N, C-alpha and C. Protein backbone atom coordinates (compact mmCIF):
# COMPACT_ATOMS: atom_id res chain seq x y z
N MET A 1 -1.33 -4.98 -20.75
CA MET A 1 -0.49 -5.65 -21.72
C MET A 1 -1.32 -6.31 -22.75
N GLU A 2 -2.31 -7.01 -22.23
CA GLU A 2 -3.10 -7.77 -23.22
C GLU A 2 -3.88 -6.81 -24.16
N GLY A 3 -4.40 -5.74 -23.59
CA GLY A 3 -5.08 -4.76 -24.48
C GLY A 3 -4.16 -4.10 -25.45
N LEU A 4 -2.96 -3.78 -25.09
CA LEU A 4 -2.03 -3.17 -25.95
C LEU A 4 -1.64 -4.16 -27.10
N THR A 5 -1.49 -5.49 -26.68
CA THR A 5 -1.13 -6.45 -27.66
C THR A 5 -2.24 -6.65 -28.72
N ARG A 6 -3.47 -6.68 -28.28
CA ARG A 6 -4.59 -6.81 -29.18
C ARG A 6 -4.80 -5.64 -30.06
N GLY A 7 -4.50 -4.47 -29.47
CA GLY A 7 -4.68 -3.23 -30.30
C GLY A 7 -3.65 -3.17 -31.41
N TYR A 8 -2.37 -3.48 -31.08
CA TYR A 8 -1.40 -3.46 -32.18
C TYR A 8 -1.72 -4.60 -33.16
N ALA A 9 -2.11 -5.78 -32.69
CA ALA A 9 -2.33 -6.86 -33.59
C ALA A 9 -3.50 -6.47 -34.60
N ALA A 10 -4.51 -5.81 -34.15
CA ALA A 10 -5.63 -5.39 -34.98
C ALA A 10 -5.17 -4.31 -36.01
N ARG A 11 -4.23 -3.50 -35.65
CA ARG A 11 -3.84 -2.45 -36.51
C ARG A 11 -2.83 -2.92 -37.59
N VAL A 12 -1.94 -3.89 -37.31
CA VAL A 12 -0.98 -4.30 -38.32
C VAL A 12 -1.26 -5.64 -38.99
N VAL A 13 -2.37 -6.24 -38.73
CA VAL A 13 -2.62 -7.59 -39.30
C VAL A 13 -2.77 -7.43 -40.86
N LYS A 14 -3.27 -6.32 -41.32
CA LYS A 14 -3.45 -6.17 -42.80
C LYS A 14 -2.12 -6.03 -43.54
N ASP A 15 -1.06 -5.78 -42.83
CA ASP A 15 0.27 -5.62 -43.37
C ASP A 15 1.05 -7.00 -43.22
N GLY A 16 0.32 -7.97 -42.69
CA GLY A 16 0.92 -9.35 -42.59
C GLY A 16 1.82 -9.49 -41.39
N ILE A 17 1.74 -8.59 -40.40
CA ILE A 17 2.44 -8.52 -39.19
C ILE A 17 1.72 -9.18 -38.12
N THR A 18 2.32 -10.07 -37.34
CA THR A 18 1.66 -10.65 -36.15
C THR A 18 2.26 -10.09 -34.95
N VAL A 19 1.51 -10.00 -33.87
CA VAL A 19 1.97 -9.35 -32.60
C VAL A 19 1.77 -10.49 -31.57
N ASN A 20 2.79 -10.67 -30.68
CA ASN A 20 2.73 -11.59 -29.58
C ASN A 20 3.14 -10.92 -28.29
N ALA A 21 2.74 -11.40 -27.14
CA ALA A 21 3.24 -10.98 -25.91
C ALA A 21 3.45 -12.07 -24.91
N VAL A 22 4.50 -11.95 -24.15
CA VAL A 22 4.70 -12.84 -23.09
C VAL A 22 4.55 -12.18 -21.79
N ALA A 23 3.64 -12.65 -20.99
CA ALA A 23 3.26 -12.02 -19.76
C ALA A 23 3.28 -13.06 -18.53
N PRO A 24 4.40 -13.40 -18.17
CA PRO A 24 4.40 -14.54 -17.10
C PRO A 24 3.91 -13.98 -15.75
N SER A 25 3.57 -14.82 -14.94
CA SER A 25 3.01 -14.39 -13.65
C SER A 25 4.28 -14.31 -12.67
N LEU A 26 4.25 -14.92 -11.62
CA LEU A 26 5.28 -14.79 -10.62
C LEU A 26 6.54 -15.51 -10.94
N ILE A 27 7.58 -14.77 -11.15
CA ILE A 27 8.85 -15.32 -11.55
C ILE A 27 9.84 -15.18 -10.36
N ASP A 28 10.56 -16.29 -9.98
CA ASP A 28 11.53 -16.28 -8.89
C ASP A 28 12.73 -15.48 -9.12
N THR A 29 12.67 -14.18 -8.69
CA THR A 29 13.81 -13.24 -8.82
C THR A 29 14.14 -12.65 -7.43
N GLU A 30 15.17 -11.93 -7.30
CA GLU A 30 15.50 -11.23 -6.11
C GLU A 30 14.45 -10.28 -5.63
N MET A 31 13.71 -9.79 -6.56
CA MET A 31 12.65 -8.89 -6.13
C MET A 31 11.53 -9.46 -5.32
N MET A 32 11.48 -10.87 -5.40
CA MET A 32 10.48 -11.52 -4.72
C MET A 32 10.92 -12.10 -3.35
N ASN A 33 12.14 -11.86 -2.95
CA ASN A 33 12.68 -12.36 -1.72
C ASN A 33 11.82 -12.21 -0.41
N GLU A 34 11.35 -10.85 -0.37
CA GLU A 34 10.61 -10.56 0.98
C GLU A 34 9.30 -11.31 1.11
N ARG A 35 8.58 -11.59 0.11
CA ARG A 35 7.28 -12.28 0.29
C ARG A 35 7.21 -13.54 -0.43
N ARG A 36 8.32 -14.16 -0.80
CA ARG A 36 8.39 -15.41 -1.58
C ARG A 36 7.37 -16.49 -0.98
N ASP A 37 7.42 -16.82 0.30
CA ASP A 37 6.65 -17.83 0.95
C ASP A 37 5.18 -17.49 0.89
N GLN A 38 4.88 -16.27 1.02
CA GLN A 38 3.42 -15.89 0.87
C GLN A 38 2.89 -16.14 -0.52
N TYR A 39 3.72 -15.87 -1.45
CA TYR A 39 3.30 -16.03 -2.90
C TYR A 39 3.23 -17.47 -3.22
N VAL A 40 4.24 -18.25 -2.88
CA VAL A 40 4.25 -19.60 -3.25
C VAL A 40 3.14 -20.48 -2.56
N ALA A 41 2.73 -20.00 -1.47
CA ALA A 41 1.62 -20.70 -0.78
C ALA A 41 0.35 -20.65 -1.62
N ARG A 42 0.14 -19.62 -2.50
CA ARG A 42 -1.07 -19.54 -3.18
C ARG A 42 -0.85 -20.12 -4.61
N ILE A 43 0.29 -20.69 -5.03
CA ILE A 43 0.46 -21.21 -6.36
C ILE A 43 0.21 -22.69 -6.33
N PRO A 44 -0.72 -23.23 -7.03
CA PRO A 44 -1.04 -24.66 -7.09
C PRO A 44 0.10 -25.57 -7.34
N LEU A 45 1.06 -25.08 -8.16
CA LEU A 45 2.22 -25.88 -8.48
C LEU A 45 3.23 -25.97 -7.34
N GLY A 46 3.12 -25.02 -6.42
CA GLY A 46 3.99 -24.96 -5.29
C GLY A 46 5.36 -24.32 -5.51
N ARG A 47 5.42 -23.66 -6.55
CA ARG A 47 6.68 -22.89 -6.82
C ARG A 47 6.45 -21.77 -7.85
N MET A 48 7.31 -20.81 -7.86
CA MET A 48 7.20 -19.69 -8.86
C MET A 48 7.96 -20.24 -10.15
N GLY A 49 7.70 -19.47 -11.20
CA GLY A 49 8.37 -19.73 -12.40
C GLY A 49 9.82 -19.33 -12.34
N ALA A 50 10.55 -19.92 -13.23
CA ALA A 50 12.06 -19.54 -13.23
C ALA A 50 12.33 -18.66 -14.41
N PRO A 51 13.35 -17.71 -14.34
CA PRO A 51 13.64 -16.85 -15.45
C PRO A 51 13.99 -17.72 -16.60
N GLU A 52 14.60 -18.87 -16.50
CA GLU A 52 15.07 -19.67 -17.65
C GLU A 52 13.84 -20.17 -18.40
N GLU A 53 12.74 -20.44 -17.63
CA GLU A 53 11.53 -20.93 -18.25
C GLU A 53 10.81 -19.91 -19.07
N VAL A 54 10.97 -18.61 -18.66
CA VAL A 54 10.41 -17.53 -19.44
C VAL A 54 11.23 -17.28 -20.74
N ALA A 55 12.57 -17.45 -20.53
CA ALA A 55 13.41 -17.28 -21.67
C ALA A 55 13.19 -18.33 -22.73
N GLN A 56 12.86 -19.58 -22.30
CA GLN A 56 12.63 -20.69 -23.24
C GLN A 56 11.29 -20.39 -24.04
N LEU A 57 10.34 -19.78 -23.33
CA LEU A 57 9.02 -19.43 -23.92
C LEU A 57 9.29 -18.35 -24.99
N VAL A 58 10.02 -17.36 -24.61
CA VAL A 58 10.32 -16.19 -25.61
C VAL A 58 11.02 -16.77 -26.93
N VAL A 59 11.99 -17.64 -26.67
CA VAL A 59 12.73 -18.26 -27.84
C VAL A 59 11.78 -19.08 -28.66
N MET A 60 10.80 -19.76 -28.05
CA MET A 60 9.84 -20.45 -28.79
C MET A 60 8.93 -19.64 -29.65
N VAL A 61 8.47 -18.55 -29.02
CA VAL A 61 7.58 -17.56 -29.72
C VAL A 61 8.34 -16.90 -30.94
N LEU A 62 9.65 -16.60 -30.71
CA LEU A 62 10.40 -15.98 -31.70
C LEU A 62 10.73 -16.91 -32.83
N GLY A 63 10.73 -18.24 -32.56
CA GLY A 63 11.07 -19.18 -33.58
C GLY A 63 9.97 -19.50 -34.56
N ASN A 64 8.81 -18.95 -34.31
CA ASN A 64 7.66 -19.35 -35.26
C ASN A 64 7.39 -18.21 -36.06
C-alpha cells in the first residue's frame, strides 16, 4: 500500500494532485473475533482501533 501510494504520488505531483492513503492496523471488527485476545495482548494501548476512529481519520484527510 505504501509503495503504491508513493508511486502514484510521484507520478501525479506535477499535475498538482496529491495522493494519500489510510492504512490502519488492527481494527475491531467481526473478522477479528477468533483471535481478538491474542492480538490485543500485543497492542501497547490494550485495545484494537474502532471503525469509527478510522472513519474520523478518513474524513480529516479528505477535508484538507
